[in-house]
Amino acid sequence: MQDHGRFIPLADHASIEAYVGYEVDPEWSLRDYEREEISSIRKNQDLTQVKVLRTKSIRLDRLRARRLVVQFVEKKQDVVIEHIIALHQGVEYELILRTIASRLVKDEKQLAKVLASWRLTR
């Protein structure tokens, strides 16, 4: 099996994941990926009080991307996921910050460093 990502631990309940894989469906837009991610989170029966805090278009280096932030309760903890999705030539790129709500501001600084360093390579 090939290596498709990296897991960066930030704390016991906080991490950043960088993932690369083939597009699920070449016909899907970034908004389709965004809707699918939100739907998947809402369908998870272990999560309650699911709220989409914001979604917006951003740039990931030179690629168009979508950034969505979702908050929910899991095992009595307020959890926030910040999910960035970009597509390029049949490849899906994802950066995912998962943290508890009380750490969000601190952990978003780490995500900003990852975003600033992200580049397409050959």
C-alpha atoms as a PDB file:
ATOM      1  CA  MET A   1       0.000   0.000   0.000  1.00  0.00           C
ATOM      2  CA  GLN A   2       1.270   3.449  -0.869  1.00  0.00           C
ATOM      3  CA  ASP A   3       1.571   6.341   1.557  1.00  0.00           C
ATOM      4  CA  HIS A   4      -1.150   8.952   0.888  1.00  0.00           C
ATOM      5  CA  GLY A   5      -0.858  11.327   3.808  1.00  0.00           C
ATOM      6  CA  ARG A   6       0.589  12.612   7.011  1.00  0.00           C
ATOM      7  CA  PHE A   7      -0.807  12.882  10.515  1.00  0.00           C
ATOM      8  CA  ILE A   8       0.524  15.744  12.640  1.00  0.00           C
ATOM      9  CA  PRO A   9      -0.408  15.395  16.333  1.00  0.00           C
ATOM     10  CA  LEU A  10      -0.889  18.710  18.133  1.00  0.00           C
ATOM     11  CA  ALA A  11      -2.236  17.449  21.489  1.00  0.00           C
ATOM     12  CA  ASP A  12      -4.257  14.564  22.910  1.00  0.00           C
ATOM     13  CA  HIS A  13      -7.417  15.641  21.075  1.00  0.00           C
ATOM     14  CA  ALA A  14      -5.964  17.767  18.277  1.00  0.00           C
ATOM     15  CA  SER A  15      -4.274  16.986  14.984  1.00  0.00           C
ATOM     16  CA  ILE A  16      -3.751  18.049  11.405  1.00  0.00           C
ATOM     17  CA  GLU A  17      -4.045  15.495   8.633  1.00  0.00           C
ATOM     18  CA  ALA A  18      -2.699  16.031   5.121  1.00  0.00           C
ATOM     19  CA  TYR A  19      -4.156  13.612   2.581  1.00  0.00           C
ATOM     20  CA  VAL A  20      -3.774  13.072  -1.165  1.00  0.00           C
ATOM     21  CA  GLY A  21      -5.861  10.661  -3.236  1.00  0.00           C
ATOM     22  CA  TYR A  22      -7.613  10.249  -6.531  1.00  0.00           C
ATOM     23  CA  GLU A  23     -10.817  12.206  -7.102  1.00  0.00           C
ATOM     24  CA  VAL A  24     -13.963  10.305  -6.129  1.00  0.00           C
ATOM     25  CA  ASP A  25     -15.779  11.421  -9.271  1.00  0.00           C
ATOM     26  CA  PRO A  26     -14.194  13.581 -11.981  1.00  0.00           C
ATOM     27  CA  GLU A  27     -17.578  15.238 -12.531  1.00  0.00           C
ATOM     28  CA  TRP A  28     -17.747  16.501  -8.927  1.00  0.00           C
ATOM     29  CA  SER A  29     -17.055  20.133  -8.124  1.00  0.00           C
ATOM     30  CA  LEU A  30     -15.420  21.416  -4.942  1.00  0.00           C
ATOM     31  CA  ARG A  31     -18.901  22.209  -3.639  1.00  0.00           C
ATOM     32  CA  ASP A  32     -19.935  18.582  -4.263  1.00  0.00           C
ATOM     33  CA  TYR A  33     -17.001  17.420  -2.102  1.00  0.00           C
ATOM     34  CA  GLU A  34     -17.965  19.972   0.528  1.00  0.00           C
ATOM     35  CA  ARG A  35     -21.620  18.834   0.560  1.00  0.00           C
ATOM     36  CA  GLU A  36     -20.531  15.179   0.800  1.00  0.00           C
ATOM     37  CA  GLU A  37     -18.260  15.913   3.771  1.00  0.00           C
ATOM     38  CA  ILE A  38     -21.005  17.800   5.610  1.00  0.00           C
ATOM     39  CA  SER A  39     -23.512  15.030   4.841  1.00  0.00           C
ATOM     40  CA  SER A  40     -21.095  12.382   6.127  1.00  0.00           C
ATOM     41  CA  ILE A  41     -20.591  14.251   9.394  1.00  0.00           C
ATOM     42  CA  ARG A  42     -24.353  14.749   9.849  1.00  0.00           C
ATOM     43  CA  LYS A  43     -24.995  11.018   9.262  1.00  0.00           C
ATOM     44  CA  ASN A  44     -22.505   9.953  11.945  1.00  0.00           C
ATOM     45  CA  GLN A  45     -24.709   8.799  14.815  1.00  0.00           C
ATOM     46  CA  ASP A  46     -21.915   9.307  17.374  1.00  0.00           C
ATOM     47  CA  LEU A  47     -22.014  13.067  16.759  1.00  0.00           C
ATOM     48  CA  THR A  48     -24.657  15.478  18.031  1.00  0.00           C
ATOM     49  CA  GLN A  49     -25.365  19.199  17.697  1.00  0.00           C
ATOM     50  CA  VAL A  50     -23.688  19.362  14.279  1.00  0.00           C
ATOM     51  CA  LYS A  51     -23.320  22.965  13.070  1.00  0.00           C
ATOM     52  CA  VAL A  52     -21.666  24.254   9.923  1.00  0.00           C
ATOM     53  CA  LEU A  53     -19.896  27.379  11.174  1.00  0.00           C
ATOM     54  CA  ARG A  54     -18.646  28.607   7.806  1.00  0.00           C
ATOM     55  CA  THR A  55     -17.704  27.630   4.272  1.00  0.00           C
ATOM     56  CA  LYS A  56     -15.764  29.673   1.759  1.00  0.00           C
ATOM     57  CA  SER A  57     -13.567  29.572  -1.298  1.00  0.00           C
ATOM     58  CA  ILE A  58      -9.829  29.973  -0.729  1.00  0.00           C
ATOM     59  CA  ARG A  59      -6.542  29.391  -2.545  1.00  0.00           C
ATOM     60  CA  LEU A  60      -4.262  26.517  -1.651  1.00  0.00           C
ATOM     61  CA  ASP A  61      -1.079  27.768  -3.279  1.00  0.00           C
ATOM     62  CA  ARG A  62      -2.305  28.283  -6.862  1.00  0.00           C
ATOM     63  CA  LEU A  63      -5.284  25.925  -6.609  1.00  0.00           C
ATOM     64  CA  ARG A  64      -8.886  26.891  -5.968  1.00  0.00           C
ATOM     65  CA  ALA A  65     -10.086  25.209  -2.778  1.00  0.00           C
ATOM     66  CA  ARG A  66     -13.026  25.079  -0.359  1.00  0.00           C
ATOM     67  CA  ARG A  67     -12.641  25.570   3.376  1.00  0.00           C
ATOM     68  CA  LEU A  68     -15.375  24.405   5.699  1.00  0.00           C
ATOM     69  CA  VAL A  69     -15.595  24.544   9.465  1.00  0.00           C
ATOM     70  CA  VAL A  70     -17.966  22.213  11.310  1.00  0.00           C
ATOM     71  CA  GLN A  71     -18.575  21.971  15.051  1.00  0.00           C
ATOM     72  CA  PHE A  72     -20.226  19.081  16.869  1.00  0.00           C
ATOM     73  CA  VAL A  73     -20.361  17.245  20.164  1.00  0.00           C
ATOM     74  CA  GLU A  74     -18.591  13.896  20.384  1.00  0.00           C
ATOM     75  CA  LYS A  75     -18.234  11.997  23.660  1.00  0.00           C
ATOM     76  CA  LYS A  76     -19.345  15.103  25.587  1.00  0.00           C
ATOM     77  CA  GLN A  77     -16.643  17.275  23.982  1.00  0.00           C
ATOM     78  CA  ASP A  78     -17.129  20.226  21.636  1.00  0.00           C
ATOM     79  CA  VAL A  79     -15.086  19.308  18.554  1.00  0.00           C
ATOM     80  CA  VAL A  80     -14.257  21.469  15.550  1.00  0.00           C
ATOM     81  CA  ILE A  81     -13.110  20.233  12.165  1.00  0.00           C
ATOM     82  CA  GLU A  82     -11.614  22.668   9.683  1.00  0.00           C
ATOM     83  CA  HIS A  83     -11.459  20.883   6.322  1.00  0.00           C
ATOM     84  CA  ILE A  84      -9.761  22.225   3.186  1.00  0.00           C
ATOM     85  CA  ILE A  85     -10.304  20.473  -0.144  1.00  0.00           C
ATOM     86  CA  ALA A  86      -8.566  21.196  -3.469  1.00  0.00           C
ATOM     87  CA  LEU A  87      -8.690  19.356  -6.790  1.00  0.00           C
ATOM     88  CA  HIS A  88      -6.044  19.276  -9.496  1.00  0.00           C
ATOM     89  CA  GLN A  89      -5.697  17.015 -12.551  1.00  0.00           C
ATOM     90  CA  GLY A  90      -7.687  14.115 -11.072  1.00  0.00           C
ATOM     91  CA  VAL A  91      -6.137  14.381  -7.620  1.00  0.00           C
ATOM     92  CA  GLU A  92      -7.878  15.418  -4.398  1.00  0.00           C
ATOM     93  CA  TYR A  93      -5.841  17.277  -1.759  1.00  0.00           C
ATOM     94  CA  GLU A  94      -7.132  17.636   1.785  1.00  0.00           C
ATOM     95  CA  LEU A  95      -5.911  19.344   4.930  1.00  0.00           C
ATOM     96  CA  ILE A  96      -7.963  18.617   8.027  1.00  0.00           C
ATOM     97  CA  LEU A  97      -7.613  20.234  11.436  1.00  0.00           C
ATOM     98  CA  ARG A  98      -9.491  18.335  14.144  1.00  0.00           C
ATOM     99  CA  THR A  99      -9.454  19.873  17.609  1.00  0.00           C
ATOM    100  CA  ILE A 100     -11.542  20.597  20.652  1.00  0.00           C
ATOM    101  CA  ALA A 101     -13.288  23.971  20.568  1.00  0.00           C
ATOM    102  CA  SER A 102     -11.248  25.398  23.458  1.00  0.00           C
ATOM    103  CA  ARG A 103      -7.999  24.849  21.457  1.00  0.00           C
ATOM    104  CA  LEU A 104      -9.292  26.169  18.114  1.00  0.00           C
ATOM    105  CA  VAL A 105      -7.519  29.544  18.053  1.00  0.00           C
ATOM    106  CA  LYS A 106      -4.198  27.984  19.079  1.00  0.00           C
ATOM    107  CA  ASP A 107      -4.458  25.103  16.610  1.00  0.00           C
ATOM    108  CA  GLU A 108      -5.585  27.328  13.720  1.00  0.00           C
ATOM    109  CA  LYS A 109      -2.179  29.019  13.999  1.00  0.00           C
ATOM    110  CA  GLN A 110      -0.528  25.659  13.329  1.00  0.00           C
ATOM    111  CA  LEU A 111      -2.866  25.021  10.399  1.00  0.00           C
ATOM    112  CA  ALA A 112      -1.954  28.461   9.002  1.00  0.00           C
ATOM    113  CA  LYS A 113       1.723  27.423   9.029  1.00  0.00           C
ATOM    114  CA  VAL A 114       0.902  24.242   7.105  1.00  0.00           C
ATOM    115  CA  LEU A 115      -1.184  26.224   4.606  1.00  0.00           C
ATOM    116  CA  ALA A 116       1.623  28.742   4.100  1.00  0.00           C
ATOM    117  CA  SER A 117       4.101  25.964   3.345  1.00  0.00           C
ATOM    118  CA  TRP A 118       1.839  23.904   1.032  1.00  0.00           C
ATOM    119  CA  ARG A 119       3.071  23.580  -2.565  1.00  0.00           C
ATOM    120  CA  LEU A 120       2.425  21.372  -5.562  1.00  0.00           C
ATOM    121  CA  THR A 121       5.509  19.376  -6.498  1.00  0.00           C
ATOM    122  CA  ARG A 122       6.294  17.277  -9.530  1.00  0.00           C
END
